[in-house]
Amino acid sequence: MRSVILCILLFFVFIYLLCFPQEAFQSSASGVTLWFFHVLPSLLPFMIFSDFFIHTGLVSVLLRKIKTVFRFLFGLSMYGSYALLLGLICGYPMGAKLTADLFREGKITKSEAQYLLTFCNNPGPVFISSYILTDTLHLSHASGYTFFILYLSLYLTSLIFRLILRPDCRDVTVPSDSPSAQTLRHSLSHMVDASIMHAFESVTKLGGYIILFSILASLVVHLTAPVPVLSLFLTGFTEMTTGIALVGASSMHLPLRYLLSLTFASFGGLSCIAQTRGMLCGTPLSIRTYIAGKTVHGICTLLVGWLLLFIQTFQ
């Protein structure tokens, strides 16, 4: 069923490329710009270092003092905490990539990996503060309030799925986990080379998804142009960056534009779902669990944001 839907989407994108080459070129160029000037320089270094840290066992050294906090708040193992932490700092789709990498390496259990997928993939703080608040909504003064809404809704999502999935988040003992054991079998230069190649493979795949869904978002805008409200919602749930830009340019009241932008960012859109699915290739981890988690996160963001705005109005 998923393959059929993907084939249909690709077919419509291909027809759009043939019938509206200028619009398709502009959206493709926008996707390339987003990937090359924003995603590539911000994610690639983290991908290289995270891959290196995982294979050398340095994660245990880095997280030794803060793993207790993540254990208390989220019930995560040490390596699960690492996936969540980097997912929060780097943004989409770093959390999903690390979850898949750690599961492949046997550092976390399958049940913890599925649990992590429900809340470890999030918009990065730079994207939120610069693109959403400063460039789009012109609310740079509301960053603290915004992060409170997003992270509270993320925590609520983790609590919901922690009760539903009841994950096994024990620290997995891996015989070759110590850096000294790793370096005896592999040279340092070999591990660095391997980390760079893995990172470039992942970030190149990510670029392909960004370009494809930028074109698809342009197609959605073109088809739904006669109904602006429908265009706004469908675009936001297809590709969040384009959707947030449309929300910011709309004539809706500022509180509604603010809530919709945060909801689109929390959900991530079909583009982030496709990116995550690409990161999970070769693992038995279910993309349905990820979609369920992002749906709940989006709903929690909308409700928490609305509630706080409602309370603030009557203060």
Protein backbone atom coordinates (compact mmCIF):
# COMPACT_ATOMS: atom_id res chain seq x y z
CA MET A 1 0.00 0.00 0.00
CA ARG A 2 2.78 2.44 0.92
CA SER A 3 4.63 1.61 -2.32
CA VAL A 4 1.45 2.33 -4.33
CA ILE A 5 1.02 5.73 -2.64
CA LEU A 6 4.68 6.58 -3.25
CA CYS A 7 4.41 5.62 -6.93
CA ILE A 8 1.30 7.81 -7.31
CA LEU A 9 3.06 10.78 -5.70
CA LEU A 10 6.12 10.34 -7.91
CA PHE A 11 3.89 10.07 -10.98
CA PHE A 12 2.19 13.39 -10.18
CA VAL A 13 5.54 15.05 -9.51
CA PHE A 14 6.81 13.80 -12.89
CA ILE A 15 3.71 15.17 -14.68
CA TYR A 16 4.18 18.47 -12.86
CA LEU A 17 7.80 18.63 -14.06
CA LEU A 18 6.64 18.16 -17.65
CA CYS A 19 3.63 20.52 -17.58
CA PHE A 20 4.99 23.32 -15.40
CA PRO A 21 8.78 23.24 -15.82
CA GLN A 22 9.37 26.82 -14.62
CA GLU A 23 7.47 26.40 -11.31
CA ALA A 24 9.05 22.99 -10.80
CA PHE A 25 12.52 24.43 -11.43
CA GLN A 26 11.95 27.23 -8.89
CA SER A 27 10.75 24.80 -6.22
CA SER A 28 13.63 22.44 -6.96
CA ALA A 29 16.10 25.32 -6.69
CA SER A 30 14.50 26.30 -3.39
CA GLY A 31 14.98 22.73 -2.13
CA VAL A 32 18.62 22.69 -3.23
CA THR A 33 19.24 26.03 -1.51
CA LEU A 34 17.65 24.79 1.69
CA TRP A 35 19.74 21.62 1.63
CA PHE A 36 23.08 23.11 0.56
CA PHE A 37 23.13 26.33 2.61
CA HIS A 38 21.27 25.23 5.74
CA VAL A 39 20.93 21.46 6.17
CA LEU A 40 24.36 20.40 4.89
CA PRO A 41 26.54 22.75 7.00
CA SER A 42 24.40 22.33 10.12
CA LEU A 43 23.92 18.54 10.06
CA LEU A 44 26.99 17.07 8.35
CA PRO A 45 29.52 17.81 11.15
CA PHE A 46 27.16 16.36 13.76
CA MET A 47 26.57 13.26 11.63
CA ILE A 48 30.32 12.66 11.26
CA PHE A 49 31.09 13.11 14.95
CA SER A 50 28.06 11.14 16.16
CA ASP A 51 28.96 8.18 13.95
CA PHE A 52 32.55 8.33 15.21
CA PHE A 53 31.47 8.57 18.86
CA ILE A 54 29.12 5.59 18.51
CA HIS A 55 31.74 3.33 16.93
CA THR A 56 34.49 4.26 19.39
CA GLY A 57 32.32 4.05 22.49
CA LEU A 58 33.01 7.68 23.46
CA VAL A 59 29.28 8.24 24.01
CA SER A 60 29.55 6.58 27.41
CA VAL A 61 32.27 9.05 28.38
CA LEU A 62 30.27 12.07 27.17
CA LEU A 63 26.99 11.09 28.83
CA ARG A 64 28.21 9.61 32.08
CA LYS A 65 27.24 12.66 34.15
CA ILE A 66 23.90 13.56 32.55
CA LYS A 67 22.37 10.16 31.76
CA THR A 68 20.62 10.11 35.17
CA VAL A 69 18.53 13.13 34.18
CA PHE A 70 17.30 11.47 30.97
CA ARG A 71 16.66 8.24 32.85
CA PHE A 72 14.49 10.09 35.37
CA LEU A 73 12.55 12.22 32.86
CA PHE A 74 12.17 9.84 29.91
CA GLY A 75 13.19 6.42 31.23
CA LEU A 76 15.90 6.15 28.56
CA SER A 77 19.13 4.21 28.54
CA MET A 78 22.46 6.01 28.18
CA TYR A 79 22.57 5.62 24.39
CA GLY A 80 18.89 6.43 24.06
CA SER A 81 19.60 9.67 25.90
CA TYR A 82 22.30 10.45 23.32
CA ALA A 83 19.81 10.03 20.44
CA LEU A 84 17.30 12.34 22.11
CA LEU A 85 19.90 14.97 23.02
CA LEU A 86 21.32 15.19 19.49
CA GLY A 87 17.81 15.09 18.04
CA LEU A 88 16.90 18.16 20.09
CA ILE A 89 20.07 20.05 19.22
CA CYS A 90 20.36 19.23 15.50
CA GLY A 91 16.74 18.92 14.39
CA TYR A 92 15.16 16.71 11.74
CA PRO A 93 16.06 13.91 10.99
CA MET A 94 19.06 13.51 13.34
CA GLY A 95 17.08 11.83 16.11
CA ALA A 96 15.77 9.14 13.78
CA LYS A 97 19.19 8.57 12.20
CA LEU A 98 20.87 8.09 15.58
CA THR A 99 18.08 5.82 16.79
CA ALA A 100 18.51 3.60 13.72
CA ASP A 101 22.33 3.65 14.01
CA LEU A 102 22.28 2.75 17.70
CA PHE A 103 19.82 -0.07 17.09
CA ARG A 104 21.97 -1.48 14.26
CA GLU A 105 25.00 -1.39 16.57
CA GLY A 106 23.08 -3.21 19.31
CA LYS A 107 23.42 -0.26 21.71
CA ILE A 108 19.65 0.00 22.37
CA THR A 109 16.83 -2.53 22.32
CA LYS A 110 14.17 -2.62 19.60
CA SER A 111 11.44 -1.54 22.04
CA GLU A 112 13.48 1.49 23.15
CA ALA A 113 14.16 2.38 19.52
CA GLN A 114 10.43 2.30 18.71
CA TYR A 115 9.72 4.40 21.82
CA LEU A 116 12.42 6.91 20.85
CA LEU A 117 10.96 7.34 17.37
CA THR A 118 7.78 8.80 18.85
CA PHE A 119 9.53 11.89 20.23
CA CYS A 120 13.27 12.06 19.38
CA ASN A 121 12.86 13.71 15.95
CA ASN A 122 12.18 17.43 16.36
CA PRO A 123 12.72 20.83 14.74
CA GLY A 124 16.09 22.27 15.73
CA PRO A 125 16.35 25.36 17.95
CA VAL A 126 18.06 27.38 15.19
CA PHE A 127 15.20 26.62 12.76
CA ILE A 128 12.62 27.60 15.37
CA SER A 129 14.26 30.83 16.54
CA SER A 130 15.56 32.08 13.18
CA TYR A 131 13.17 30.82 10.49
CA ILE A 132 9.84 30.58 12.34
CA LEU A 133 10.05 33.32 14.96
CA THR A 134 12.37 35.89 13.38
CA ASP A 135 12.03 35.57 9.59
CA THR A 136 8.41 34.40 9.27
CA LEU A 137 6.37 35.60 12.26
CA HIS A 138 8.63 38.46 13.47
CA LEU A 139 8.31 37.28 17.08
CA SER A 140 11.96 36.99 18.08
CA HIS A 141 11.04 38.05 21.64
CA ALA A 142 8.85 34.93 22.08
CA SER A 143 11.60 32.29 21.90
CA GLY A 144 11.42 31.25 25.56
CA TYR A 145 7.65 30.92 25.43
CA THR A 146 7.87 28.94 22.18
CA PHE A 147 10.47 26.45 23.42
CA PHE A 148 8.38 25.90 26.54
CA ILE A 149 5.36 24.95 24.39
CA LEU A 150 7.34 22.66 22.09
CA TYR A 151 9.31 20.86 24.78
CA LEU A 152 6.36 20.49 27.14
CA SER A 153 4.33 18.91 24.31
CA LEU A 154 7.32 16.67 23.50
CA TYR A 155 7.48 15.52 27.12
CA LEU A 156 3.74 14.84 27.19
CA THR A 157 4.12 12.78 24.00
CA SER A 158 6.91 10.74 25.60
CA LEU A 159 4.75 10.06 28.66
CA ILE A 160 1.83 8.89 26.52
CA PHE A 161 3.92 6.44 24.51
CA ARG A 162 5.90 5.34 27.54
CA LEU A 163 2.60 4.12 29.01
CA ILE A 164 1.42 2.59 25.73
CA LEU A 165 4.64 0.87 24.58
CA ARG A 166 6.23 0.12 27.99
CA PRO A 167 9.70 0.02 26.40
CA ASP A 168 12.68 -1.99 27.61
CA CYS A 169 15.23 0.80 28.10
CA ARG A 170 17.99 -1.02 29.92
CA ASP A 171 21.62 -0.19 29.22
CA VAL A 172 22.81 -2.86 26.79
CA THR A 173 26.24 -4.31 27.54
CA VAL A 174 28.34 -4.53 24.39
CA PRO A 175 31.70 -6.34 24.71
CA SER A 176 33.50 -3.94 22.37
CA ASP A 177 32.06 -0.79 23.97
CA SER A 178 35.33 0.62 25.32
CA PRO A 179 37.38 2.96 23.13
CA SER A 180 40.59 0.99 23.74
CA ALA A 181 39.07 -2.25 22.43
CA GLN A 182 37.88 -0.50 19.30
CA THR A 183 41.15 1.22 18.55
CA LEU A 184 43.05 -2.06 18.83
CA ARG A 185 41.05 -3.53 15.94
CA HIS A 186 40.64 -0.49 13.74
CA SER A 187 42.93 2.38 13.04
CA LEU A 188 41.73 5.84 13.96
CA SER A 189 42.00 7.05 10.36
CA HIS A 190 39.85 4.15 9.13
CA MET A 191 37.07 5.01 11.59
CA VAL A 192 37.17 8.69 10.62
CA ASP A 193 36.97 7.79 6.91
CA ALA A 194 34.05 5.44 7.55
CA SER A 195 32.21 8.07 9.61
CA ILE A 196 32.65 10.68 6.87
CA MET A 197 31.33 8.30 4.18
CA HIS A 198 28.33 7.26 6.29
CA ALA A 199 27.51 10.90 7.03
CA PHE A 200 27.73 11.94 3.36
CA GLU A 201 25.53 9.04 2.30
CA SER A 202 22.85 10.03 4.83
CA VAL A 203 22.96 13.76 4.13
CA THR A 204 22.86 13.19 0.33
CA LYS A 205 19.80 10.97 0.71
CA LEU A 206 18.27 13.66 2.87
CA GLY A 207 18.91 16.25 0.14
CA GLY A 208 17.05 14.12 -2.40
CA TYR A 209 13.98 13.95 -0.16
CA ILE A 210 14.07 17.71 0.46
CA ILE A 211 14.18 18.49 -3.28
CA LEU A 212 11.45 15.96 -4.12
CA PHE A 213 9.06 17.26 -1.47
CA SER A 214 9.79 20.89 -2.32
CA ILE A 215 8.48 20.11 -5.81
CA LEU A 216 5.53 18.19 -4.35
CA ALA A 217 4.67 21.15 -2.09
CA SER A 218 4.74 23.43 -5.11
CA LEU A 219 2.37 21.05 -6.88
CA VAL A 220 -0.01 21.12 -3.89
CA VAL A 221 0.03 24.94 -3.88
CA HIS A 222 -0.68 24.97 -7.62
CA LEU A 223 -3.60 22.53 -7.42
CA THR A 224 -5.25 24.08 -4.36
CA ALA A 225 -4.68 27.75 -5.23
CA PRO A 226 -8.45 28.43 -5.67
CA VAL A 227 -9.01 27.43 -2.00
CA PRO A 228 -6.33 29.29 0.02
CA VAL A 229 -7.20 27.70 3.38
CA LEU A 230 -6.99 24.19 1.93
CA SER A 231 -3.75 25.11 0.19
CA LEU A 232 -2.25 26.32 3.45
CA PHE A 233 -3.12 23.20 5.45
CA LEU A 234 -2.20 20.65 2.78
CA THR A 235 1.11 22.38 2.06
CA GLY A 236 1.97 22.54 5.76
CA PHE A 237 1.37 18.82 6.19
CA THR A 238 3.32 18.06 3.00
CA GLU A 239 6.45 20.15 3.58
CA MET A 240 6.64 22.17 6.81
CA THR A 241 9.02 24.92 5.61
CA THR A 242 6.78 25.89 2.68
CA GLY A 243 3.66 25.56 4.83
CA ILE A 244 5.08 27.81 7.56
CA ALA A 245 6.02 30.40 4.94
CA LEU A 246 2.41 30.39 3.63
CA VAL A 247 1.07 30.71 7.18
CA GLY A 248 3.35 33.67 7.86
CA ALA A 249 2.19 35.43 4.69
CA SER A 250 -1.51 34.78 5.30
CA SER A 251 -4.03 37.28 6.68
CA MET A 252 -4.96 35.16 9.71
CA HIS A 253 -4.68 36.59 13.20
CA LEU A 254 -1.20 36.37 14.68
CA PRO A 255 -2.08 33.87 17.48
CA LEU A 256 -3.54 31.45 14.91
CA ARG A 257 -0.53 31.84 12.61
CA TYR A 258 1.73 31.22 15.61
CA LEU A 259 -0.09 28.04 16.68
CA LEU A 260 -0.28 26.62 13.15
CA SER A 261 3.42 27.27 12.53
CA LEU A 262 4.38 25.42 15.73
CA THR A 263 1.99 22.57 14.90
CA PHE A 264 3.47 22.15 11.42
CA ALA A 265 6.97 22.21 12.92
CA SER A 266 6.09 19.58 15.53
CA PHE A 267 4.49 17.24 13.01
CA GLY A 268 7.23 17.76 10.41
CA GLY A 269 5.10 16.90 7.38
CA LEU A 270 5.28 14.12 4.82
CA SER A 271 8.76 15.28 3.88
CA CYS A 272 10.16 14.49 7.34
CA ILE A 273 8.25 11.19 7.37
CA ALA A 274 9.93 10.22 4.09
CA GLN A 275 13.32 11.37 5.40
CA THR A 276 12.85 9.30 8.54
CA ARG A 277 11.80 6.26 6.55
CA GLY A 278 15.02 6.63 4.57
CA MET A 279 17.04 6.71 7.81
CA LEU A 280 15.30 3.53 9.02
CA CYS A 281 16.10 1.49 5.89
CA GLY A 282 17.64 -1.87 6.78
CA THR A 283 16.00 -2.03 10.22
CA PRO A 284 12.73 -3.63 11.37
CA LEU A 285 11.68 -0.37 13.05
CA SER A 286 8.15 0.70 12.10
CA ILE A 287 7.49 4.04 10.42
CA ARG A 288 3.89 3.79 11.68
CA THR A 289 5.08 4.27 15.25
CA TYR A 290 6.95 7.39 14.17
CA ILE A 291 3.87 8.78 12.38
CA ALA A 292 1.72 8.10 15.45
CA GLY A 293 4.26 9.89 17.66
CA LYS A 294 4.48 12.95 15.42
CA THR A 295 0.70 13.14 15.14
CA VAL A 296 0.35 13.12 18.93
CA HIS A 297 3.18 15.65 19.26
CA GLY A 298 1.47 17.98 16.77
CA ILE A 299 -1.86 17.71 18.61
CA CYS A 300 -0.18 18.27 22.00
CA THR A 301 1.61 21.36 20.64
CA LEU A 302 -1.66 22.80 19.35
CA LEU A 303 -3.50 22.13 22.62
CA VAL A 304 -0.71 23.30 24.95
CA GLY A 305 -0.14 26.44 22.87
CA TRP A 306 -3.84 27.25 22.74
CA LEU A 307 -4.23 26.69 26.49
CA LEU A 308 -1.30 28.94 27.37
CA LEU A 309 -2.49 31.68 25.01
CA PHE A 310 -5.99 31.37 26.49
CA ILE A 311 -4.64 31.69 30.04
CA GLN A 312 -2.45 34.65 29.05
CA THR A 313 -5.44 36.45 27.49
CA PHE A 314 -7.38 36.42 30.75
CA GLN A 315 -4.52 37.41 33.03
